[in-house]
Amino acid sequence: MSEQDTTTPTPPEPKGKPFYLKPRFILGCVAAVIFLILMFQNWGSIAISIFFWETTAPAAVLYTAFAVLGFLVGGLASRLKAARTKSK
């Protein structure tokens, strides 16, 4: 009988930093924590007037709506920029 090597091979080393150590992820987490603090501190109702329509809602709802709108505009802008650089 021949003797076989029974050791398991070591997994390959990951390339680059893990995602949770990258500056973009860290800044995103800091921004999310600041946003959550802002949300929890602003549950009071405010009056919202848009042209002839007026209503009251918690300020947190307004902040959330503007945050979602900002993410949508930012995503659209990055896609347009990528499409522009790809077509050149």
PDB file of N, CA and C in Angstrom:
ATOM      1  N   MET A   1       0.823  -1.177   0.000  1.00  0.00           N
ATOM      2  CA  MET A   1       0.000   0.000   0.000  1.00  0.00           C
ATOM      3  C   MET A   1       0.871   1.244   0.000  1.00  0.00           C
ATOM      4  N   SER A   2       0.463   2.193  -0.778  1.00  0.00           N
ATOM      5  CA  SER A   2       1.225   3.438  -0.807  1.00  0.00           C
ATOM      6  C   SER A   2       0.583   4.438   0.144  1.00  0.00           C
ATOM      7  N   GLU A   3       1.444   5.268   0.655  1.00  0.00           N
ATOM      8  CA  GLU A   3       0.979   6.273   1.607  1.00  0.00           C
ATOM      9  C   GLU A   3       0.497   7.502   0.835  1.00  0.00           C
ATOM     10  N   GLN A   4      -0.732   7.961   1.118  1.00  0.00           N
ATOM     11  CA  GLN A   4      -1.278   9.123   0.425  1.00  0.00           C
ATOM     12  C   GLN A   4      -1.294  10.318   1.355  1.00  0.00           C
ATOM     13  N   ASP A   5      -1.170  11.488   0.763  1.00  0.00           N
ATOM     14  CA  ASP A   5      -1.199  12.730   1.542  1.00  0.00           C
ATOM     15  C   ASP A   5      -2.647  13.036   1.909  1.00  0.00           C
ATOM     16  N   THR A   6      -2.931  13.095   3.196  1.00  0.00           N
ATOM     17  CA  THR A   6      -4.309  13.307   3.643  1.00  0.00           C
ATOM     18  C   THR A   6      -4.562  14.746   4.091  1.00  0.00           C
ATOM     19  N   THR A   7      -3.625  15.647   3.868  1.00  0.00           N
ATOM     20  CA  THR A   7      -3.837  17.037   4.264  1.00  0.00           C
ATOM     21  C   THR A   7      -4.756  17.714   3.259  1.00  0.00           C
ATOM     22  N   THR A   8      -5.584  18.582   3.760  1.00  0.00           N
ATOM     23  CA  THR A   8      -6.504  19.311   2.889  1.00  0.00           C
ATOM     24  C   THR A   8      -5.790  20.535   2.332  1.00  0.00           C
ATOM     25  N   PRO A   9      -6.079  20.883   1.096  1.00  0.00           N
ATOM     26  CA  PRO A   9      -5.421  22.055   0.511  1.00  0.00           C
ATOM     27  C   PRO A   9      -5.925  23.338   1.169  1.00  0.00           C
ATOM     28  N   THR A  10      -5.055  24.320   1.288  1.00  0.00           N
ATOM     29  CA  THR A  10      -5.449  25.597   1.887  1.00  0.00           C
ATOM     30  C   THR A  10      -6.208  26.413   0.849  1.00  0.00           C
ATOM     31  N   PRO A  11      -7.224  27.141   1.274  1.00  0.00           N
ATOM     32  CA  PRO A  11      -7.982  27.965   0.327  1.00  0.00           C
ATOM     33  C   PRO A  11      -7.122  29.135  -0.152  1.00  0.00           C
ATOM     34  N   PRO A  12      -7.398  29.641  -1.343  1.00  0.00           N
ATOM     35  CA  PRO A  12      -6.605  30.755  -1.862  1.00  0.00           C
ATOM     36  C   PRO A  12      -6.846  32.024  -1.044  1.00  0.00           C
ATOM     37  N   GLU A  13      -5.833  32.881  -0.986  1.00  0.00           N
ATOM     38  CA  GLU A  13      -5.952  34.154  -0.276  1.00  0.00           C
ATOM     39  C   GLU A  13      -6.862  35.085  -1.067  1.00  0.00           C
ATOM     40  N   PRO A  14      -7.739  35.822  -0.369  1.00  0.00           N
ATOM     41  CA  PRO A  14      -8.605  36.773  -1.096  1.00  0.00           C
ATOM     42  C   PRO A  14      -7.777  37.925  -1.658  1.00  0.00           C
ATOM     43  N   LYS A  15      -8.220  38.442  -2.790  1.00  0.00           N
ATOM     44  CA  LYS A  15      -7.515  39.545  -3.440  1.00  0.00           C
ATOM     45  C   LYS A  15      -8.092  40.863  -2.934  1.00  0.00           C
ATOM     46  N   GLY A  16      -7.250  41.769  -2.527  1.00  0.00           N
ATOM     47  CA  GLY A  16      -7.683  43.081  -2.092  1.00  0.00           C
ATOM     48  C   GLY A  16      -8.274  43.050  -0.693  1.00  0.00           C
ATOM     49  N   LYS A  17      -8.806  44.215  -0.302  1.00  0.00           N
ATOM     50  CA  LYS A  17      -9.420  44.359   1.016  1.00  0.00           C
ATOM     51  C   LYS A  17     -10.803  43.736   1.024  1.00  0.00           C
ATOM     52  N   PRO A  18     -11.259  43.273   2.195  1.00  0.00           N
ATOM     53  CA  PRO A  18     -12.666  42.854   2.291  1.00  0.00           C
ATOM     54  C   PRO A  18     -13.580  44.073   2.122  1.00  0.00           C
ATOM     55  N   PHE A  19     -14.812  43.840   1.697  1.00  0.00           N
ATOM     56  CA  PHE A  19     -15.715  44.955   1.392  1.00  0.00           C
ATOM     57  C   PHE A  19     -15.962  45.855   2.592  1.00  0.00           C
ATOM     58  N   TYR A  20     -15.938  45.301   3.810  1.00  0.00           N
ATOM     59  CA  TYR A  20     -16.248  46.110   4.980  1.00  0.00           C
ATOM     60  C   TYR A  20     -15.081  46.987   5.421  1.00  0.00           C
ATOM     61  N   LEU A  21     -13.950  46.910   4.765  1.00  0.00           N
ATOM     62  CA  LEU A  21     -12.830  47.787   5.063  1.00  0.00           C
ATOM     63  C   LEU A  21     -12.622  48.849   3.989  1.00  0.00           C
ATOM     64  N   LYS A  22     -13.437  48.838   2.963  1.00  0.00           N
ATOM     65  CA  LYS A  22     -13.297  49.825   1.893  1.00  0.00           C
ATOM     66  C   LYS A  22     -13.938  51.139   2.310  1.00  0.00           C
ATOM     67  N   PRO A  23     -13.329  52.271   1.933  1.00  0.00           N
ATOM     68  CA  PRO A  23     -13.837  53.588   2.356  1.00  0.00           C
ATOM     69  C   PRO A  23     -15.281  53.853   1.942  1.00  0.00           C
ATOM     70  N   ARG A  24     -15.683  53.387   0.779  1.00  0.00           N
ATOM     71  CA  ARG A  24     -17.049  53.632   0.319  1.00  0.00           C
ATOM     72  C   ARG A  24     -18.075  52.969   1.244  1.00  0.00           C
ATOM     73  N   PHE A  25     -17.787  51.746   1.679  1.00  0.00           N
ATOM     74  CA  PHE A  25     -18.691  51.037   2.593  1.00  0.00           C
ATOM     75  C   PHE A  25     -18.723  51.725   3.954  1.00  0.00           C
ATOM     76  N   ILE A  26     -17.574  52.142   4.453  1.00  0.00           N
ATOM     77  CA  ILE A  26     -17.504  52.804   5.756  1.00  0.00           C
ATOM     78  C   ILE A  26     -18.269  54.123   5.722  1.00  0.00           C
ATOM     79  N   LEU A  27     -18.085  54.925   4.673  1.00  0.00           N
ATOM     80  CA  LEU A  27     -18.815  56.188   4.555  1.00  0.00           C
ATOM     81  C   LEU A  27     -20.318  55.953   4.422  1.00  0.00           C
ATOM     82  N   GLY A  28     -20.705  54.901   3.714  1.00  0.00           N
ATOM     83  CA  GLY A  28     -22.124  54.573   3.591  1.00  0.00           C
ATOM     84  C   GLY A  28     -22.732  54.210   4.934  1.00  0.00           C
ATOM     85  N   CYS A  29     -21.989  53.465   5.745  1.00  0.00           N
ATOM     86  CA  CYS A  29     -22.479  53.101   7.081  1.00  0.00           C
ATOM     87  C   CYS A  29     -22.608  54.325   7.972  1.00  0.00           C
ATOM     88  N   VAL A  30     -21.624  55.231   7.912  1.00  0.00           N
ATOM     89  CA  VAL A  30     -21.690  56.460   8.710  1.00  0.00           C
ATOM     90  C   VAL A  30     -22.891  57.300   8.279  1.00  0.00           C
ATOM     91  N   ALA A  31     -23.108  57.421   6.965  1.00  0.00           N
ATOM     92  CA  ALA A  31     -24.253  58.182   6.463  1.00  0.00           C
ATOM     93  C   ALA A  31     -25.571  57.546   6.889  1.00  0.00           C
ATOM     94  N   ALA A  32     -25.648  56.225   6.877  1.00  0.00           N
ATOM     95  CA  ALA A  32     -26.867  55.532   7.295  1.00  0.00           C
ATOM     96  C   ALA A  32     -27.146  55.757   8.776  1.00  0.00           C
ATOM     97  N   VAL A  33     -26.118  55.722   9.602  1.00  0.00           N
ATOM     98  CA  VAL A  33     -26.311  55.959  11.042  1.00  0.00           C
ATOM     99  C   VAL A  33     -26.774  57.393  11.287  1.00  0.00           C
ATOM    100  N   ILE A  34     -26.161  58.358  10.608  1.00  0.00           N
ATOM    101  CA  ILE A  34     -26.586  59.752  10.756  1.00  0.00           C
ATOM    102  C   ILE A  34     -28.027  59.920  10.298  1.00  0.00           C
ATOM    103  N   PHE A  35     -28.403  59.279   9.200  1.00  0.00           N
ATOM    104  CA  PHE A  35     -29.779  59.355   8.704  1.00  0.00           C
ATOM    105  C   PHE A  35     -30.756  58.751   9.710  1.00  0.00           C
ATOM    106  N   LEU A  36     -30.406  57.621  10.299  1.00  0.00           N
ATOM    107  CA  LEU A  36     -31.292  56.998  11.294  1.00  0.00           C
ATOM    108  C   LEU A  36     -31.449  57.873  12.531  1.00  0.00           C
ATOM    109  N   ILE A  37     -30.368  58.498  12.973  1.00  0.00           N
ATOM    110  CA  ILE A  37     -30.458  59.419  14.111  1.00  0.00           C
ATOM    111  C   ILE A  37     -31.383  60.575  13.773  1.00  0.00           C
ATOM    112  N   LEU A  38     -31.231  61.134  12.575  1.00  0.00           N
ATOM    113  CA  LEU A  38     -32.095  62.225  12.123  1.00  0.00           C
ATOM    114  C   LEU A  38     -33.556  61.787  12.090  1.00  0.00           C
ATOM    115  N   MET A  39     -33.799  60.564  11.631  1.00  0.00           N
ATOM    116  CA  MET A  39     -35.168  60.060  11.549  1.00  0.00           C
ATOM    117  C   MET A  39     -35.805  59.926  12.930  1.00  0.00           C
ATOM    118  N   PHE A  40     -35.066  59.324  13.868  1.00  0.00           N
ATOM    119  CA  PHE A  40     -35.640  59.090  15.195  1.00  0.00           C
ATOM    120  C   PHE A  40     -35.832  60.375  15.997  1.00  0.00           C
ATOM    121  N   GLN A  41     -35.093  61.414  15.666  1.00  0.00           N
ATOM    122  CA  GLN A  41     -35.234  62.673  16.397  1.00  0.00           C
ATOM    123  C   GLN A  41     -36.309  63.577  15.815  1.00  0.00           C
ATOM    124  N   ASN A  42     -36.864  63.242  14.662  1.00  0.00           N
ATOM    125  CA  ASN A  42     -37.813  64.129  14.003  1.00  0.00           C
ATOM    126  C   ASN A  42     -39.136  63.440  13.707  1.00  0.00           C
ATOM    127  N   TRP A  43     -39.807  62.993  14.742  1.00  0.00           N
ATOM    128  CA  TRP A  43     -41.115  62.369  14.566  1.00  0.00           C
ATOM    129  C   TRP A  43     -42.251  63.373  14.676  1.00  0.00           C
ATOM    130  N   GLY A  44     -41.936  64.639  14.997  1.00  0.00           N
ATOM    131  CA  GLY A  44     -42.979  65.651  15.122  1.00  0.00           C
ATOM    132  C   GLY A  44     -43.612  65.975  13.782  1.00  0.00           C
ATOM    133  N   SER A  45     -44.886  66.346  13.807  1.00  0.00           N
ATOM    134  CA  SER A  45     -45.596  66.670  12.566  1.00  0.00           C
ATOM    135  C   SER A  45     -45.234  68.071  12.093  1.00  0.00           C
ATOM    136  N   ILE A  46     -45.145  68.208  10.788  1.00  0.00           N
ATOM    137  CA  ILE A  46     -44.906  69.503  10.166  1.00  0.00           C
ATOM    138  C   ILE A  46     -45.931  69.696   9.060  1.00  0.00           C
ATOM    139  N   ALA A  47     -46.162  70.949   8.698  1.00  0.00           N
ATOM    140  CA  ALA A  47     -47.084  71.264   7.599  1.00  0.00           C
ATOM    141  C   ALA A  47     -46.302  71.258   6.291  1.00  0.00           C
ATOM    142  N   ILE A  48     -46.842  70.572   5.295  1.00  0.00           N
ATOM    143  CA  ILE A  48     -46.222  70.493   3.982  1.00  0.00           C
ATOM    144  C   ILE A  48     -47.154  71.163   2.989  1.00  0.00           C
ATOM    145  N   SER A  49     -46.638  72.174   2.280  1.00  0.00           N
ATOM    146  CA  SER A  49     -47.430  72.883   1.261  1.00  0.00           C
ATOM    147  C   SER A  49     -46.753  72.734  -0.087  1.00  0.00           C
ATOM    148  N   ILE A  50     -47.464  72.113  -1.036  1.00  0.00           N
ATOM    149  CA  ILE A  50     -46.971  71.978  -2.402  1.00  0.00           C
ATOM    150  C   ILE A  50     -48.049  72.571  -3.305  1.00  0.00           C
ATOM    151  N   PHE A  51     -47.747  73.729  -3.873  1.00  0.00           N
ATOM    152  CA  PHE A  51     -48.681  74.505  -4.678  1.00  0.00           C
ATOM    153  C   PHE A  51     -49.967  74.750  -3.883  1.00  0.00           C
ATOM    154  N   PHE A  52     -51.082  74.189  -4.297  1.00  0.00           N
ATOM    155  CA  PHE A  52     -52.344  74.414  -3.605  1.00  0.00           C
ATOM    156  C   PHE A  52     -52.711  73.266  -2.667  1.00  0.00           C
ATOM    157  N   TRP A  53     -51.875  72.276  -2.536  1.00  0.00           N
ATOM    158  CA  TRP A  53     -52.114  71.109  -1.686  1.00  0.00           C
ATOM    159  C   TRP A  53     -51.366  71.283  -0.376  1.00  0.00           C
ATOM    160  N   GLU A  54     -52.041  71.088   0.743  1.00  0.00           N
ATOM    161  CA  GLU A  54     -51.416  71.239   2.051  1.00  0.00           C
ATOM    162  C   GLU A  54     -51.814  70.074   2.952  1.00  0.00           C
ATOM    163  N   THR A  55     -50.832  69.540   3.666  1.00  0.00           N
ATOM    164  CA  THR A  55     -51.072  68.423   4.576  1.00  0.00           C
ATOM    165  C   THR A  55     -50.059  68.470   5.703  1.00  0.00           C
ATOM    166  N   THR A  56     -50.277  67.656   6.706  1.00  0.00           N
ATOM    167  CA  THR A  56     -49.301  67.522   7.788  1.00  0.00           C
ATOM    168  C   THR A  56     -48.808  66.078   7.815  1.00  0.00           C
ATOM    169  N   ALA A  57     -47.532  65.927   8.134  1.00  0.00           N
ATOM    170  CA  ALA A  57     -46.910  64.600   8.204  1.00  0.00           C
ATOM    171  C   ALA A  57     -45.688  64.694   9.099  1.00  0.00           C
ATOM    172  N   PRO A  58     -45.231  63.568   9.613  1.00  0.00           N
ATOM    173  CA  PRO A  58     -43.979  63.606  10.383  1.00  0.00           C
ATOM    174  C   PRO A  58     -42.811  64.040   9.493  1.00  0.00           C
ATOM    175  N   ALA A  59     -41.900  64.777  10.076  1.00  0.00           N
ATOM    176  CA  ALA A  59     -40.736  65.244   9.310  1.00  0.00           C
ATOM    177  C   ALA A  59     -39.927  64.059   8.794  1.00  0.00           C
ATOM    178  N   ALA A  60     -39.934  62.956   9.515  1.00  0.00           N
ATOM    179  CA  ALA A  60     -39.188  61.773   9.100  1.00  0.00           C
ATOM    180  C   ALA A  60     -39.678  61.257   7.744  1.00  0.00           C
ATOM    181  N   VAL A  61     -40.968  61.375   7.475  1.00  0.00           N
ATOM    182  CA  VAL A  61     -41.516  60.931   6.190  1.00  0.00           C
ATOM    183  C   VAL A  61     -40.969  61.806   5.066  1.00  0.00           C
ATOM    184  N   LEU A  62     -40.904  63.098   5.297  1.00  0.00           N
ATOM    185  CA  LEU A  62     -40.370  64.018   4.295  1.00  0.00           C
ATOM    186  C   LEU A  62     -38.892  63.749   4.046  1.00  0.00           C
ATOM    187  N   TYR A  63     -38.121  63.522   5.106  1.00  0.00           N
ATOM    188  CA  TYR A  63     -36.693  63.222   4.951  1.00  0.00           C
ATOM    189  C   TYR A  63     -36.487  61.916   4.188  1.00  0.00           C
ATOM    190  N   THR A  64     -37.311  60.932   4.470  1.00  0.00           N
ATOM    191  CA  THR A  64     -37.201  59.659   3.759  1.00  0.00           C
ATOM    192  C   THR A  64     -37.521  59.833   2.273  1.00  0.00           C
ATOM    193  N   ALA A  65     -38.550  60.610   1.971  1.00  0.00           N
ATOM    194  CA  ALA A  65     -38.919  60.849   0.576  1.00  0.00           C
ATOM    195  C   ALA A  65     -37.784  61.541  -0.174  1.00  0.00           C
ATOM    196  N   PHE A  66     -37.159  62.537   0.452  1.00  0.00           N
ATOM    197  CA  PHE A  66     -36.055  63.223  -0.207  1.00  0.00           C
ATOM    198  C   PHE A  66     -34.820  62.340  -0.322  1.00  0.00           C
ATOM    199  N   ALA A  67     -34.582  61.458   0.636  1.00  0.00           N
ATOM    200  CA  ALA A  67     -33.449  60.535   0.553  1.00  0.00           C
ATOM    201  C   ALA A  67     -33.641  59.559  -0.607  1.00  0.00           C
ATOM    202  N   VAL A  68     -34.849  59.016  -0.742  1.00  0.00           N
ATOM    203  CA  VAL A  68     -35.136  58.098  -1.851  1.00  0.00           C
ATOM    204  C   VAL A  68     -35.000  58.829  -3.184  1.00  0.00           C
ATOM    205  N   LEU A  69     -35.516  60.045  -3.257  1.00  0.00           N
ATOM    206  CA  LEU A  69     -35.405  60.836  -4.478  1.00  0.00           C
ATOM    207  C   LEU A  69     -33.935  61.108  -4.805  1.00  0.00           C
ATOM    208  N   GLY A  70     -33.139  61.406  -3.797  1.00  0.00           N
ATOM    209  CA  GLY A  70     -31.711  61.636  -4.016  1.00  0.00           C
ATOM    210  C   GLY A  70     -30.990  60.405  -4.519  1.00  0.00           C
ATOM    211  N   PHE A  71     -31.316  59.222  -3.952  1.00  0.00           N
ATOM    212  CA  PHE A  71     -30.710  57.984  -4.429  1.00  0.00           C
ATOM    213  C   PHE A  71     -31.101  57.701  -5.873  1.00  0.00           C
ATOM    214  N   LEU A  72     -32.354  57.953  -6.224  1.00  0.00           N
ATOM    215  CA  LEU A  72     -32.801  57.718  -7.596  1.00  0.00           C
ATOM    216  C   LEU A  72     -32.090  58.652  -8.576  1.00  0.00           C
ATOM    217  N   VAL A  73     -31.974  59.921  -8.234  1.00  0.00           N
ATOM    218  CA  VAL A  73     -31.297  60.875  -9.108  1.00  0.00           C
ATOM    219  C   VAL A  73     -29.814  60.532  -9.227  1.00  0.00           C
ATOM    220  N   GLY A  74     -29.179  60.150  -8.119  1.00  0.00           N
ATOM    221  CA  GLY A  74     -27.773  59.764  -8.159  1.00  0.00           C
ATOM    222  C   GLY A  74     -27.537  58.519  -8.993  1.00  0.00           C
ATOM    223  N   GLY A  75     -28.413  57.537  -8.869  1.00  0.00           N
ATOM    224  CA  GLY A  75     -28.293  56.325  -9.674  1.00  0.00           C
ATOM    225  C   GLY A  75     -28.496  56.599 -11.148  1.00  0.00           C
ATOM    226  N   LEU A  76     -29.463  57.442 -11.459  1.00  0.00           N
ATOM    227  CA  LEU A  76     -29.706  57.807 -12.858  1.00  0.00           C
ATOM    228  C   LEU A  76     -28.516  58.564 -13.429  1.00  0.00           C
ATOM    229  N   ALA A  77     -27.951  59.476 -12.651  1.00  0.00           N
ATOM    230  CA  ALA A  77     -26.799  60.247 -13.125  1.00  0.00           C
ATOM    231  C   ALA A  77     -25.592  59.338 -13.372  1.00  0.00           C
ATOM    232  N   SER A  78     -25.363  58.368 -12.494  1.00  0.00           N
ATOM    233  CA  SER A  78     -24.221  57.478 -12.698  1.00  0.00           C
ATOM    234  C   SER A  78     -24.427  56.579 -13.908  1.00  0.00           C
ATOM    235  N   ARG A  79     -25.657  56.144 -14.148  1.00  0.00           N
ATOM    236  CA  ARG A  79     -25.925  55.325 -15.338  1.00  0.00           C
ATOM    237  C   ARG A  79     -25.741  56.138 -16.615  1.00  0.00           C
ATOM    238  N   LEU A  80     -26.191  57.397 -16.599  1.00  0.00           N
ATOM    239  CA  LEU A  80     -26.008  58.239 -17.785  1.00  0.00           C
ATOM    240  C   LEU A  80     -24.538  58.508 -18.034  1.00  0.00           C
ATOM    241  N   LYS A  81     -23.767  58.725 -16.978  1.00  0.00           N
ATOM    242  CA  LYS A  81     -22.333  58.960 -17.133  1.00  0.00           C
ATOM    243  C   LYS A  81     -21.641  57.718 -17.678  1.00  0.00           C
ATOM    244  N   ALA A  82     -22.012  56.543 -17.170  1.00  0.00           N
ATOM    245  CA  ALA A  82     -21.415  55.296 -17.656  1.00  0.00           C
ATOM    246  C   ALA A  82     -21.776  55.058 -19.113  1.00  0.00           C
ATOM    247  N   ALA A  83     -22.996  55.359 -19.486  1.00  0.00           N
ATOM    248  CA  ALA A  83     -23.418  55.165 -20.884  1.00  0.00           C
ATOM    249  C   ALA A  83     -22.674  56.133 -21.791  1.00  0.00           C
ATOM    250  N   ARG A  84     -22.439  57.351 -21.305  1.00  0.00           N
ATOM    251  CA  ARG A  84     -21.730  58.342 -22.117  1.00  0.00           C
ATOM    252  C   ARG A  84     -20.267  57.944 -22.336  1.00  0.00           C
ATOM    253  N   THR A  85     -19.613  57.460 -21.276  1.00  0.00           N
ATOM    254  CA  THR A  85     -18.211  57.064 -21.419  1.00  0.00           C
ATOM    255  C   THR A  85     -18.080  55.768 -22.233  1.00  0.00           C
ATOM    256  N   LYS A  86     -19.076  54.906 -22.174  1.00  0.00           N
ATOM    257  CA  LYS A  86     -19.038  53.653 -22.932  1.00  0.00           C
ATOM    258  C   LYS A  86     -19.220  53.910 -24.428  1.00  0.00           C
ATOM    259  N   SER A  87     -20.011  54.908 -24.783  1.00  0.00           N
ATOM    260  CA  SER A  87     -20.290  55.167 -26.195  1.00  0.00           C
ATOM    261  C   SER A  87     -19.142  55.905 -26.878  1.00  0.00           C
ATOM    262  N   LYS A  88     -18.217  56.487 -26.143  1.00  0.00           N
ATOM    263  CA  LYS A  88     -17.101  57.231 -26.743  1.00  0.00           C
ATOM    264  C   LYS A  88     -16.007  56.342 -27.212  1.00  0.00           C
TER     265      LYS A  88
END
